Amino acid sequence: MKINKEKLMLAMANARLNAFELCEAAGIQYQTYRRIIKGNPCKPATAGSIAAALGVRVEDLVEKEGDKE
């Protein structure tokens, strides 16, 4: 799954979390977060953990056809 960087940043802002707080809340490593931000795909479970930590649906974070990078 590919997470849209802009959507992720907006969700982080709404949740008032910085990158390190998100990683801690989602139970992911900071390196994983950096790979996602750079546009690399992630496992569905990772996307789910991030979405849960932000209080949003996975669908609100993933790139859809036609989304800009």
N, C-alpha and C. Protein backbone atom coordinates (compact mmCIF):
# COMPACT_ATOMS: atom_id res chain seq x y z
N MET A 1 0.85 -1.17 0.00
CA MET A 1 0.00 0.00 0.00
C MET A 1 0.90 1.24 0.00
N LYS A 2 0.44 2.23 -0.70
CA LYS A 2 1.20 3.47 -0.76
C LYS A 2 0.41 4.57 -0.05
N ILE A 3 1.02 5.14 0.96
CA ILE A 3 0.37 6.20 1.74
C ILE A 3 0.70 7.54 1.10
N ASN A 4 -0.32 8.37 0.95
CA ASN A 4 -0.16 9.70 0.38
C ASN A 4 0.47 10.61 1.43
N LYS A 5 1.61 11.20 1.10
CA LYS A 5 2.35 12.03 2.05
C LYS A 5 1.53 13.21 2.55
N GLU A 6 0.84 13.89 1.64
CA GLU A 6 0.05 15.06 2.04
C GLU A 6 -1.08 14.68 2.99
N LYS A 7 -1.76 13.57 2.68
CA LYS A 7 -2.84 13.11 3.54
C LYS A 7 -2.31 12.71 4.91
N LEU A 8 -1.14 12.08 4.93
CA LEU A 8 -0.52 11.69 6.20
C LEU A 8 -0.16 12.92 7.02
N MET A 9 0.42 13.91 6.38
CA MET A 9 0.81 15.13 7.10
C MET A 9 -0.41 15.86 7.67
N LEU A 10 -1.49 15.90 6.90
CA LEU A 10 -2.72 16.54 7.39
C LEU A 10 -3.28 15.78 8.59
N ALA A 11 -3.29 14.47 8.51
CA ALA A 11 -3.80 13.67 9.63
C ALA A 11 -2.92 13.84 10.87
N MET A 12 -1.61 13.93 10.67
CA MET A 12 -0.70 14.15 11.79
C MET A 12 -0.95 15.51 12.42
N ALA A 13 -1.18 16.52 11.60
CA ALA A 13 -1.46 17.86 12.11
C ALA A 13 -2.77 17.87 12.90
N ASN A 14 -3.79 17.21 12.37
CA ASN A 14 -5.07 17.14 13.06
C ASN A 14 -4.95 16.41 14.40
N ALA A 15 -4.10 15.40 14.45
CA ALA A 15 -3.89 14.63 15.68
C ALA A 15 -2.87 15.28 16.60
N ARG A 16 -2.23 16.35 16.11
CA ARG A 16 -1.21 17.07 16.86
C ARG A 16 -0.04 16.16 17.26
N LEU A 17 0.40 15.36 16.28
CA LEU A 17 1.52 14.45 16.51
C LEU A 17 2.68 14.79 15.58
N ASN A 18 3.89 14.71 16.11
CA ASN A 18 5.05 14.83 15.23
C ASN A 18 5.47 13.43 14.81
N ALA A 19 6.48 13.33 13.98
CA ALA A 19 6.88 12.04 13.42
C ALA A 19 7.26 11.04 14.51
N PHE A 20 7.99 11.47 15.51
CA PHE A 20 8.43 10.54 16.55
C PHE A 20 7.26 10.07 17.40
N GLU A 21 6.33 10.97 17.69
CA GLU A 21 5.14 10.59 18.46
C GLU A 21 4.27 9.61 17.68
N LEU A 22 4.15 9.85 16.37
CA LEU A 22 3.38 8.94 15.53
C LEU A 22 4.00 7.55 15.53
N CYS A 23 5.31 7.49 15.37
CA CYS A 23 6.00 6.20 15.35
C CYS A 23 5.78 5.45 16.66
N GLU A 24 5.87 6.15 17.77
CA GLU A 24 5.65 5.52 19.07
C GLU A 24 4.21 5.03 19.21
N ALA A 25 3.25 5.88 18.83
CA ALA A 25 1.84 5.52 18.96
C ALA A 25 1.46 4.37 18.03
N ALA A 26 2.06 4.33 16.84
CA ALA A 26 1.74 3.29 15.86
C ALA A 26 2.57 2.02 16.06
N GLY A 27 3.63 2.12 16.85
CA GLY A 27 4.49 0.96 17.07
C GLY A 27 5.34 0.62 15.87
N ILE A 28 5.77 1.67 15.14
CA ILE A 28 6.63 1.45 13.98
C ILE A 28 7.97 2.14 14.21
N GLN A 29 8.96 1.72 13.47
CA GLN A 29 10.28 2.35 13.58
C GLN A 29 10.30 3.64 12.76
N TYR A 30 11.14 4.58 13.18
CA TYR A 30 11.26 5.84 12.47
C TYR A 30 11.72 5.62 11.04
N GLN A 31 12.57 4.62 10.81
CA GLN A 31 13.04 4.32 9.46
C GLN A 31 11.87 3.92 8.55
N THR A 32 10.91 3.20 9.10
CA THR A 32 9.72 2.82 8.34
C THR A 32 8.94 4.06 7.94
N TYR A 33 8.78 4.96 8.90
CA TYR A 33 8.10 6.23 8.62
C TYR A 33 8.80 6.99 7.50
N ARG A 34 10.12 7.07 7.54
CA ARG A 34 10.90 7.79 6.52
C ARG A 34 10.70 7.16 5.14
N ARG A 35 10.69 5.83 5.08
CA ARG A 35 10.48 5.15 3.79
C ARG A 35 9.09 5.49 3.23
N ILE A 36 8.10 5.50 4.10
CA ILE A 36 6.74 5.82 3.67
C ILE A 36 6.67 7.25 3.14
N ILE A 37 7.29 8.18 3.85
CA ILE A 37 7.29 9.59 3.44
C ILE A 37 7.98 9.76 2.09
N LYS A 38 8.99 8.95 1.83
CA LYS A 38 9.71 9.05 0.55
C LYS A 38 8.94 8.42 -0.60
N GLY A 39 7.76 7.82 -0.31
CA GLY A 39 6.93 7.28 -1.37
C GLY A 39 6.99 5.78 -1.56
N ASN A 40 7.69 5.08 -0.67
CA ASN A 40 7.75 3.63 -0.79
C ASN A 40 6.48 3.00 -0.21
N PRO A 41 6.07 1.88 -0.75
CA PRO A 41 4.87 1.21 -0.22
C PRO A 41 5.14 0.59 1.15
N CYS A 42 4.06 0.31 1.87
CA CYS A 42 4.19 -0.34 3.16
C CYS A 42 3.20 -1.50 3.23
N LYS A 43 3.35 -2.33 4.24
CA LYS A 43 2.46 -3.46 4.44
C LYS A 43 1.09 -2.93 4.90
N PRO A 44 0.03 -3.64 4.56
CA PRO A 44 -1.30 -3.23 5.01
C PRO A 44 -1.39 -3.09 6.54
N ALA A 45 -0.72 -3.96 7.27
CA ALA A 45 -0.74 -3.88 8.73
C ALA A 45 -0.10 -2.59 9.23
N THR A 46 0.96 -2.15 8.55
CA THR A 46 1.62 -0.91 8.93
C THR A 46 0.70 0.27 8.66
N ALA A 47 0.05 0.27 7.51
CA ALA A 47 -0.90 1.33 7.19
C ALA A 47 -2.03 1.36 8.22
N GLY A 48 -2.48 0.19 8.62
CA GLY A 48 -3.52 0.10 9.64
C GLY A 48 -3.08 0.63 10.98
N SER A 49 -1.86 0.34 11.36
CA SER A 49 -1.33 0.85 12.64
C SER A 49 -1.21 2.36 12.63
N ILE A 50 -0.76 2.91 11.51
CA ILE A 50 -0.63 4.36 11.39
C ILE A 50 -2.01 5.02 11.44
N ALA A 51 -2.94 4.46 10.70
CA ALA A 51 -4.30 5.02 10.68
C ALA A 51 -4.93 4.98 12.07
N ALA A 52 -4.76 3.86 12.77
CA ALA A 52 -5.32 3.73 14.11
C ALA A 52 -4.70 4.75 15.07
N ALA A 53 -3.39 4.95 14.97
CA ALA A 53 -2.72 5.92 15.84
C ALA A 53 -3.20 7.34 15.58
N LEU A 54 -3.61 7.61 14.33
CA LEU A 54 -4.09 8.94 13.95
C LEU A 54 -5.59 9.09 14.11
N GLY A 55 -6.28 7.99 14.36
CA GLY A 55 -7.72 8.05 14.52
C GLY A 55 -8.47 8.27 13.22
N VAL A 56 -7.90 7.76 12.11
CA VAL A 56 -8.53 7.89 10.80
C VAL A 56 -8.65 6.50 10.18
N ARG A 57 -9.36 6.41 9.06
CA ARG A 57 -9.47 5.15 8.33
C ARG A 57 -8.27 5.04 7.39
N VAL A 58 -7.89 3.82 7.08
CA VAL A 58 -6.79 3.59 6.14
C VAL A 58 -7.10 4.26 4.81
N GLU A 59 -8.36 4.20 4.40
CA GLU A 59 -8.78 4.80 3.13
C GLU A 59 -8.50 6.29 3.07
N ASP A 60 -8.42 6.92 4.24
CA ASP A 60 -8.15 8.36 4.29
C ASP A 60 -6.68 8.69 4.07
N LEU A 61 -5.82 7.68 4.11
CA LEU A 61 -4.38 7.90 3.98
C LEU A 61 -3.77 7.38 2.68
N VAL A 62 -4.34 6.33 2.13
CA VAL A 62 -3.71 5.71 0.96
C VAL A 62 -3.94 6.52 -0.30
N GLU A 63 -3.00 6.38 -1.21
CA GLU A 63 -3.12 7.05 -2.50
C GLU A 63 -4.15 6.32 -3.34
N LYS A 64 -4.97 7.10 -3.99
CA LYS A 64 -5.96 6.56 -4.91
C LYS A 64 -5.52 6.92 -6.32
N GLU A 65 -6.09 6.25 -7.29
CA GLU A 65 -5.76 6.57 -8.67
C GLU A 65 -6.02 8.05 -8.94
N GLY A 66 -5.07 8.70 -9.53
CA GLY A 66 -5.22 10.12 -9.86
C GLY A 66 -4.67 11.06 -8.79
N ASP A 67 -4.31 10.53 -7.60
CA ASP A 67 -3.70 11.37 -6.57
C ASP A 67 -2.32 11.80 -7.01
N LYS A 68 -2.00 13.04 -6.68
CA LYS A 68 -0.64 13.52 -6.94
C LYS A 68 0.28 13.01 -5.84
N GLU A 69 1.55 12.84 -6.18
CA GLU A 69 2.53 12.43 -5.17
C GLU A 69 3.12 13.63 -4.50
